[in-house]
Amino acid sequence: MAITFQYNKTSLTNLGKQLKIRQNALPTLKNKESALRSSVLVAKNEAKALADALEARLKEYDYLASLWNEFEPGLVSISDVHLRTVKIAGVKAPQLEKIDFALAPFNAFASPAWYADGVRILQELSTLGIESEIAEERRKILEFNRKKTTQKVNLYEKVQIPGYQEAIRKIKRYMEDEENLSKASSKIVKNRHAQQEEEGL
């Protein structure tokens, strides 16, 4: 990224302000990046743990596989999923609050005895599945924000700050050269006047 500037004091002042803003923001951005990095790791582990727990639960209920054919489809459904927004390292992320299940009416006397357990198992597995998906979504949001923050840190640290410093250095050198030339030329003019005055005498 090329920094545009002019060789004057106004440009020097503006570049100085821009440099200071970036130098002040950099430590905060680095802290945010570090916090997001550890939050991503926590979210990743949480998502994996929930996915593993769901898989383990499904295997645990494998012995019921043949019974599920007797189970009425649509007996248990999800009517609503309540989410809340939490801030993790300054980033808004979803978190499960509760799930509202709708239970279709069934005759407890005419239905198999295990129906009540089946309803409980389905609710448990659904909750684990939804928690797992939300945790994975949270991980993605945090990972996306971490990447954006890392890019900004790199932009400031490796491109903009050195660019502004180099531009400031160039302007200062130019202004020093101008000043030296001005002094030298005034010295020459002064010497010439003095020489002319001597010759005039």
Protein backbone atom coordinates (compact mmCIF):
# COMPACT_ATOMS: atom_id res chain seq x y z
CA MET A 1 0.00 0.00 0.00
CA ALA A 2 1.56 3.22 -1.19
CA ILE A 3 1.11 6.15 1.16
CA THR A 4 0.43 9.39 -0.70
CA PHE A 5 1.97 12.52 0.75
CA GLN A 6 3.34 15.92 -0.14
CA TYR A 7 6.66 17.41 0.87
CA ASN A 8 5.33 20.00 3.31
CA LYS A 9 4.66 20.54 7.03
CA THR A 10 0.89 19.90 6.76
CA SER A 11 1.47 16.50 5.20
CA LEU A 12 4.13 15.76 7.83
CA THR A 13 1.67 16.61 10.64
CA ASN A 14 -1.10 14.48 9.10
CA LEU A 15 1.21 11.50 8.62
CA GLY A 16 2.41 11.88 12.22
CA LYS A 17 -1.20 11.76 13.46
CA GLN A 18 -1.99 8.69 11.34
CA LEU A 19 1.15 6.95 12.56
CA LYS A 20 0.32 7.69 16.20
CA ILE A 21 -3.25 6.34 15.79
CA ARG A 22 -1.90 3.06 14.41
CA GLN A 23 0.87 2.76 16.99
CA ASN A 24 -1.67 3.30 19.79
CA ALA A 25 -4.18 0.84 18.29
CA LEU A 26 -1.65 -1.94 17.65
CA PRO A 27 -1.26 -3.21 21.27
CA THR A 28 -5.07 -3.34 21.66
CA LEU A 29 -5.42 -5.24 18.39
CA LYS A 30 -2.69 -7.68 19.44
CA ASN A 31 -4.47 -8.29 22.76
CA LYS A 32 -7.76 -8.84 20.92
CA GLU A 33 -6.07 -11.26 18.51
CA SER A 34 -4.56 -13.19 21.42
CA ALA A 35 -7.93 -13.34 23.24
CA LEU A 36 -9.68 -14.46 20.06
CA ARG A 37 -7.03 -17.11 19.41
CA SER A 38 -7.63 -18.70 22.83
CA SER A 39 -11.43 -18.28 22.47
CA VAL A 40 -11.33 -20.08 19.12
CA LEU A 41 -9.45 -22.94 20.75
CA VAL A 42 -12.03 -23.16 23.58
CA ALA A 43 -14.92 -23.03 21.06
CA LYS A 44 -13.25 -25.68 18.89
CA ASN A 45 -12.82 -28.03 21.87
CA GLU A 46 -16.40 -27.37 23.00
CA ALA A 47 -17.82 -28.08 19.51
CA LYS A 48 -15.78 -31.29 19.27
CA ALA A 49 -16.81 -32.42 22.76
CA LEU A 50 -20.50 -31.87 21.93
CA ALA A 51 -20.19 -33.67 18.57
CA ASP A 52 -18.41 -36.58 20.31
CA ALA A 53 -21.07 -36.65 23.05
CA LEU A 54 -23.83 -36.80 20.42
CA GLU A 55 -22.06 -39.64 18.59
CA ALA A 56 -21.56 -41.53 21.86
CA ARG A 57 -25.24 -41.08 22.78
CA LEU A 58 -26.35 -42.31 19.37
CA LYS A 59 -24.18 -45.44 19.76
CA GLU A 60 -25.54 -45.89 23.27
CA TYR A 61 -29.07 -46.11 21.89
CA ASP A 62 -28.19 -48.41 18.98
CA TYR A 63 -29.95 -51.29 20.75
CA LEU A 64 -33.26 -49.39 20.31
CA ALA A 65 -32.88 -49.18 16.52
CA SER A 66 -35.55 -51.78 15.80
CA LEU A 67 -38.01 -50.16 18.22
CA TRP A 68 -37.82 -46.77 16.46
CA ASN A 69 -39.90 -48.27 13.60
CA GLU A 70 -42.84 -48.46 16.02
CA PHE A 71 -42.36 -44.84 17.11
CA GLU A 72 -44.88 -42.37 15.69
CA PRO A 73 -43.14 -39.86 13.39
CA GLY A 74 -43.95 -36.30 14.41
CA LEU A 75 -44.67 -37.28 18.01
CA VAL A 76 -41.88 -34.95 19.19
CA SER A 77 -41.04 -31.75 17.34
CA ILE A 78 -39.15 -28.56 18.08
CA SER A 79 -41.43 -25.55 18.28
CA ASP A 80 -38.76 -22.96 19.09
CA VAL A 81 -35.04 -22.58 19.78
CA HIS A 82 -34.14 -19.68 22.08
CA LEU A 83 -30.72 -18.17 21.53
CA ARG A 84 -28.98 -15.34 23.29
CA THR A 85 -26.03 -13.30 22.17
CA VAL A 86 -22.88 -13.42 24.26
CA LYS A 87 -19.73 -11.36 23.82
CA ILE A 88 -16.54 -13.38 23.60
CA ALA A 89 -13.38 -11.25 23.31
CA GLY A 90 -15.53 -8.38 22.02
CA VAL A 91 -17.25 -10.53 19.37
CA LYS A 92 -20.97 -11.28 19.41
CA ALA A 93 -21.67 -15.01 19.27
CA PRO A 94 -24.78 -17.18 19.70
CA GLN A 95 -25.44 -19.34 22.74
CA LEU A 96 -28.30 -21.76 23.35
CA GLU A 97 -30.70 -20.67 26.06
CA LYS A 98 -33.43 -23.29 25.74
CA ILE A 99 -35.38 -25.43 23.31
CA ASP A 100 -39.18 -25.64 23.27
CA PHE A 101 -40.37 -29.11 22.33
CA ALA A 102 -43.91 -29.79 21.13
CA LEU A 103 -45.31 -33.18 22.04
CA ALA A 104 -48.21 -34.55 20.00
CA PRO A 105 -50.88 -36.20 22.15
CA PHE A 106 -50.63 -39.99 22.39
CA ASN A 107 -52.46 -42.63 24.36
CA ALA A 108 -50.10 -43.80 27.07
CA PHE A 109 -52.17 -47.00 27.62
CA ALA A 110 -52.42 -48.01 23.95
CA SER A 111 -48.82 -47.03 23.05
CA PRO A 112 -45.78 -49.17 23.89
CA ALA A 113 -44.42 -48.67 27.42
CA TRP A 114 -41.10 -47.31 26.15
CA TYR A 115 -42.70 -44.29 24.39
CA ALA A 116 -42.07 -41.98 27.35
CA ASP A 117 -38.38 -42.99 27.34
CA GLY A 118 -38.30 -42.56 23.57
CA VAL A 119 -39.58 -38.99 23.91
CA ARG A 120 -36.94 -38.21 26.53
CA ILE A 121 -34.17 -39.78 24.39
CA LEU A 122 -35.25 -37.79 21.30
CA GLN A 123 -35.30 -34.55 23.27
CA GLU A 124 -31.86 -35.31 24.71
CA LEU A 125 -30.37 -36.14 21.29
CA SER A 126 -32.01 -33.09 19.67
CA THR A 127 -30.64 -30.82 22.40
CA LEU A 128 -27.13 -32.25 21.96
CA GLY A 129 -27.35 -31.89 18.16
CA ILE A 130 -28.52 -28.27 18.33
CA GLU A 131 -25.93 -27.38 21.00
CA SER A 132 -23.26 -28.96 18.79
CA GLU A 133 -24.35 -26.93 15.74
CA ILE A 134 -24.47 -23.67 17.71
CA ALA A 135 -21.01 -24.35 19.18
CA GLU A 136 -19.66 -24.96 15.67
CA GLU A 137 -21.29 -21.72 14.44
CA ARG A 138 -19.74 -19.86 17.40
CA ARG A 139 -16.34 -21.31 16.50
CA LYS A 140 -16.74 -20.15 12.87
CA ILE A 141 -17.71 -16.61 13.93
CA LEU A 142 -14.75 -16.38 16.33
CA GLU A 143 -12.35 -17.85 13.74
CA PHE A 144 -13.54 -15.36 11.09
CA ASN A 145 -13.04 -12.43 13.50
CA ARG A 146 -9.63 -13.76 14.57
CA LYS A 147 -8.50 -13.87 10.93
CA LYS A 148 -9.76 -10.32 10.34
CA THR A 149 -7.94 -9.08 13.47
CA THR A 150 -4.73 -10.90 12.45
CA GLN A 151 -4.93 -9.27 9.00
CA LYS A 152 -5.36 -5.85 10.60
CA VAL A 153 -2.42 -6.45 12.98
CA ASN A 154 -0.25 -7.49 10.02
CA LEU A 155 -1.45 -4.52 7.95
CA TYR A 156 -0.57 -2.07 10.74
CA GLU A 157 2.64 -3.78 11.84
CA LYS A 158 4.17 -4.77 8.51
CA VAL A 159 2.73 -2.28 6.02
CA GLN A 160 1.19 0.91 7.36
CA ILE A 161 3.41 1.79 10.34
CA PRO A 162 6.69 1.23 8.40
CA GLY A 163 5.11 3.05 5.40
CA TYR A 164 4.19 6.11 7.47
CA GLN A 165 7.62 6.10 9.18
CA GLU A 166 9.35 5.98 5.78
CA ALA A 167 7.15 8.79 4.40
CA ILE A 168 7.86 10.96 7.47
CA ARG A 169 11.59 10.27 7.08
CA LYS A 170 11.47 11.30 3.40
CA ILE A 171 9.58 14.54 4.15
CA LYS A 172 11.99 15.44 6.98
CA ARG A 173 15.01 14.78 4.75
CA TYR A 174 13.48 16.86 1.95
CA MET A 175 12.72 19.73 4.35
CA GLU A 176 16.26 19.56 5.81
CA ASP A 177 17.73 19.61 2.30
CA GLU A 178 15.52 22.60 1.41
CA GLU A 179 16.65 24.40 4.56
CA ASN A 180 20.32 23.63 3.86
CA LEU A 181 19.94 24.83 0.25
CA SER A 182 18.21 27.97 1.45
CA LYS A 183 21.01 28.64 3.96
CA ALA A 184 23.67 27.91 1.36
CA SER A 185 22.06 30.17 -1.23
CA SER A 186 21.62 33.02 1.28
CA LYS A 187 25.29 32.59 2.24
CA ILE A 188 26.28 32.79 -1.44
CA VAL A 189 24.14 35.91 -1.94
CA LYS A 190 25.61 37.46 1.23
CA ASN A 191 29.17 36.68 0.09
CA ARG A 192 28.42 38.12 -3.37
CA HIS A 193 27.07 41.35 -1.82
CA ALA A 194 30.11 41.58 0.38
CA GLN A 195 32.36 40.99 -2.62
CA GLN A 196 30.53 43.62 -4.68
CA GLU A 197 30.81 46.10 -1.85
CA GLU A 198 34.57 45.47 -1.63
CA GLU A 199 34.96 45.87 -5.36
CA GLY A 200 32.87 49.06 -5.25
CA LEU A 201 35.29 50.63 -2.74
